[in-house]
Amino acid sequence: MESNSLLNEEYLMNLLCQAGAAKSAAMNAIYKAREGCYAEALHQLQISDEIFKEVHKCQTELIGLDEGQGKVTMTLILTHIQDHIMNGMLCKEMATEFVELYRQCKEKQNA
């Protein structure tokens, strides 16, 4: 696959939306944990993880196209997408910790 065919606007916007959806699911996990809905919180984390797996596949395709030779031009939109991906991944990692902290706090309150 040529880099130009892969880097069309629809593909890039889809990647950006996927990163946003994964982050939203991670944030929903925190909200659900705060409400005491731990099963739903874990489900939201799973959704986030599944979406990020798809995002990672897309990233791997882009890296493969570049072959470490600068074949894929780094544009503002690619930088923006990478920023969303990294922020979303950090959010998911933090959400995992928050869900566990909320669960532990609730457990101690009920003890």
C-alpha atoms as a PDB file:
ATOM      1  CA  MET A   1       0.000   0.000   0.000  1.00  0.00           C
ATOM      2  CA  GLU A   2       1.352   3.406  -0.916  1.00  0.00           C
ATOM      3  CA  SER A   3       1.662   6.053   1.758  1.00  0.00           C
ATOM      4  CA  ASN A   4      -0.503   8.501  -0.221  1.00  0.00           C
ATOM      5  CA  SER A   5      -3.414   6.068  -0.405  1.00  0.00           C
ATOM      6  CA  LEU A   6      -3.186   5.335   3.315  1.00  0.00           C
ATOM      7  CA  LEU A   7      -2.843   8.942   4.395  1.00  0.00           C
ATOM      8  CA  ASN A   8      -6.131  10.169   2.977  1.00  0.00           C
ATOM      9  CA  GLU A   9      -8.339  12.465   5.019  1.00  0.00           C
ATOM     10  CA  GLU A  10     -10.929   9.807   5.838  1.00  0.00           C
ATOM     11  CA  TYR A  11      -8.284   7.400   7.162  1.00  0.00           C
ATOM     12  CA  LEU A  12      -6.655  10.084   9.304  1.00  0.00           C
ATOM     13  CA  MET A  13      -9.949  11.383  10.689  1.00  0.00           C
ATOM     14  CA  ASN A  14     -10.978   7.829  11.538  1.00  0.00           C
ATOM     15  CA  LEU A  15      -7.703   7.335  13.409  1.00  0.00           C
ATOM     16  CA  LEU A  16      -8.244  10.593  15.287  1.00  0.00           C
ATOM     17  CA  CYS A  17     -11.819   9.611  16.179  1.00  0.00           C
ATOM     18  CA  GLN A  18     -10.703   6.180  17.356  1.00  0.00           C
ATOM     19  CA  ALA A  19      -8.146   7.754  19.682  1.00  0.00           C
ATOM     20  CA  GLY A  20     -10.851  10.057  21.042  1.00  0.00           C
ATOM     21  CA  ALA A  21     -13.288   7.183  21.529  1.00  0.00           C
ATOM     22  CA  ALA A  22     -10.690   5.177  23.428  1.00  0.00           C
ATOM     23  CA  LYS A  23      -9.989   8.123  25.719  1.00  0.00           C
ATOM     24  CA  SER A  24     -13.721   8.695  26.257  1.00  0.00           C
ATOM     25  CA  ALA A  25     -14.190   5.067  27.268  1.00  0.00           C
ATOM     26  CA  ALA A  26     -11.327   5.417  29.753  1.00  0.00           C
ATOM     27  CA  MET A  27     -12.919   8.540  31.229  1.00  0.00           C
ATOM     28  CA  ASN A  28     -16.273   6.746  31.414  1.00  0.00           C
ATOM     29  CA  ALA A  29     -14.536   4.032  33.424  1.00  0.00           C
ATOM     30  CA  ILE A  30     -13.515   6.628  36.010  1.00  0.00           C
ATOM     31  CA  TYR A  31     -17.047   8.047  36.167  1.00  0.00           C
ATOM     32  CA  LYS A  32     -18.555   4.582  36.593  1.00  0.00           C
ATOM     33  CA  ALA A  33     -16.067   3.667  39.313  1.00  0.00           C
ATOM     34  CA  ARG A  34     -16.871   6.878  41.175  1.00  0.00           C
ATOM     35  CA  GLU A  35     -20.544   5.830  41.075  1.00  0.00           C
ATOM     36  CA  GLY A  36     -19.589   2.414  42.452  1.00  0.00           C
ATOM     37  CA  CYS A  37     -20.341   0.569  39.194  1.00  0.00           C
ATOM     38  CA  TYR A  38     -17.091  -1.390  39.051  1.00  0.00           C
ATOM     39  CA  ALA A  39     -18.196  -4.033  36.539  1.00  0.00           C
ATOM     40  CA  GLU A  40     -19.215  -1.294  34.104  1.00  0.00           C
ATOM     41  CA  ALA A  41     -15.974   0.571  34.819  1.00  0.00           C
ATOM     42  CA  LEU A  42     -13.975  -2.531  33.920  1.00  0.00           C
ATOM     43  CA  HIS A  43     -16.098  -2.963  30.802  1.00  0.00           C
ATOM     44  CA  GLN A  44     -15.299   0.607  29.731  1.00  0.00           C
ATOM     45  CA  LEU A  45     -11.589  -0.065  30.263  1.00  0.00           C
ATOM     46  CA  GLN A  46     -11.902  -3.153  28.077  1.00  0.00           C
ATOM     47  CA  ILE A  47     -13.594  -1.100  25.356  1.00  0.00           C
ATOM     48  CA  SER A  48     -10.794   1.457  25.563  1.00  0.00           C
ATOM     49  CA  ASP A  49      -8.194  -1.284  25.296  1.00  0.00           C
ATOM     50  CA  GLU A  50      -9.873  -2.843  22.244  1.00  0.00           C
ATOM     51  CA  ILE A  51     -10.029   0.500  20.462  1.00  0.00           C
ATOM     52  CA  PHE A  52      -6.387   1.214  21.259  1.00  0.00           C
ATOM     53  CA  LYS A  53      -5.426  -2.148  19.743  1.00  0.00           C
ATOM     54  CA  GLU A  54      -6.980  -0.984  16.462  1.00  0.00           C
ATOM     55  CA  VAL A  55      -5.238   2.385  16.749  1.00  0.00           C
ATOM     56  CA  HIS A  56      -1.940   0.584  17.296  1.00  0.00           C
ATOM     57  CA  LYS A  57      -2.479  -1.469  14.123  1.00  0.00           C
ATOM     58  CA  CYS A  58      -2.911   1.761  12.159  1.00  0.00           C
ATOM     59  CA  GLN A  59       0.205   3.251  13.703  1.00  0.00           C
ATOM     60  CA  THR A  60       2.149   0.113  12.833  1.00  0.00           C
ATOM     61  CA  GLU A  61       0.991   0.406   9.202  1.00  0.00           C
ATOM     62  CA  LEU A  62       2.211   3.996   9.077  1.00  0.00           C
ATOM     63  CA  ILE A  63       5.570   3.064  10.568  1.00  0.00           C
ATOM     64  CA  GLY A  64       5.867   0.218   8.074  1.00  0.00           C
ATOM     65  CA  LEU A  65       5.199   2.586   5.184  1.00  0.00           C
ATOM     66  CA  ASP A  66       7.883   4.959   6.391  1.00  0.00           C
ATOM     67  CA  GLU A  67      10.515   2.220   6.754  1.00  0.00           C
ATOM     68  CA  GLY A  68      12.595   4.631   8.835  1.00  0.00           C
ATOM     69  CA  GLN A  69      13.396   6.621   5.708  1.00  0.00           C
ATOM     70  CA  GLY A  70      11.092   9.612   6.023  1.00  0.00           C
ATOM     71  CA  LYS A  71       8.716   8.357   3.325  1.00  0.00           C
ATOM     72  CA  VAL A  72       5.718   9.479   5.384  1.00  0.00           C
ATOM     73  CA  THR A  73       5.780  13.239   5.690  1.00  0.00           C
ATOM     74  CA  MET A  74       5.132  14.356   9.250  1.00  0.00           C
ATOM     75  CA  THR A  75       2.251  16.799   8.934  1.00  0.00           C
ATOM     76  CA  LEU A  76       0.400  18.868  11.484  1.00  0.00           C
ATOM     77  CA  ILE A  77      -2.541  16.443  11.411  1.00  0.00           C
ATOM     78  CA  LEU A  78      -0.272  13.435  12.022  1.00  0.00           C
ATOM     79  CA  THR A  79       1.302  15.270  14.949  1.00  0.00           C
ATOM     80  CA  HIS A  80      -2.160  16.121  16.274  1.00  0.00           C
ATOM     81  CA  ILE A  81      -3.279  12.505  15.944  1.00  0.00           C
ATOM     82  CA  GLN A  82      -0.171  11.228  17.722  1.00  0.00           C
ATOM     83  CA  ASP A  83      -0.816  13.723  20.522  1.00  0.00           C
ATOM     84  CA  HIS A  84      -4.376  12.412  20.906  1.00  0.00           C
ATOM     85  CA  ILE A  85      -3.151   8.827  20.916  1.00  0.00           C
ATOM     86  CA  MET A  86      -0.517   9.465  23.577  1.00  0.00           C
ATOM     87  CA  ASN A  87      -2.904  11.466  25.772  1.00  0.00           C
ATOM     88  CA  GLY A  88      -5.546   8.785  25.411  1.00  0.00           C
ATOM     89  CA  MET A  89      -3.113   6.035  26.344  1.00  0.00           C
ATOM     90  CA  LEU A  90      -2.015   7.962  29.417  1.00  0.00           C
ATOM     91  CA  CYS A  91      -5.657   8.556  30.320  1.00  0.00           C
ATOM     92  CA  LYS A  92      -6.370   4.825  30.052  1.00  0.00           C
ATOM     93  CA  GLU A  93      -3.427   3.960  32.302  1.00  0.00           C
ATOM     94  CA  MET A  94      -4.558   6.510  34.870  1.00  0.00           C
ATOM     95  CA  ALA A  95      -8.177   5.354  34.591  1.00  0.00           C
ATOM     96  CA  THR A  96      -7.096   1.812  35.418  1.00  0.00           C
ATOM     97  CA  GLU A  97      -5.502   3.116  38.613  1.00  0.00           C
ATOM     98  CA  PHE A  98      -8.488   5.327  39.491  1.00  0.00           C
ATOM     99  CA  VAL A  99     -10.926   2.448  39.106  1.00  0.00           C
ATOM    100  CA  GLU A 100      -8.870   0.361  41.510  1.00  0.00           C
ATOM    101  CA  LEU A 101      -8.505   3.258  43.964  1.00  0.00           C
ATOM    102  CA  TYR A 102     -12.256   3.901  43.974  1.00  0.00           C
ATOM    103  CA  ARG A 103     -12.870   0.189  44.535  1.00  0.00           C
ATOM    104  CA  GLN A 104     -10.417   0.052  47.444  1.00  0.00           C
ATOM    105  CA  CYS A 105     -11.842   3.201  49.049  1.00  0.00           C
ATOM    106  CA  LYS A 106     -15.377   1.826  48.835  1.00  0.00           C
ATOM    107  CA  GLU A 107     -14.211  -1.490  50.263  1.00  0.00           C
ATOM    108  CA  LYS A 108     -12.616   0.283  53.249  1.00  0.00           C
ATOM    109  CA  GLN A 109     -15.732   2.396  53.812  1.00  0.00           C
ATOM    110  CA  ASN A 110     -17.833  -0.740  53.987  1.00  0.00           C
ATOM    111  CA  ALA A 111     -15.442  -2.563  56.328  1.00  0.00           C
END
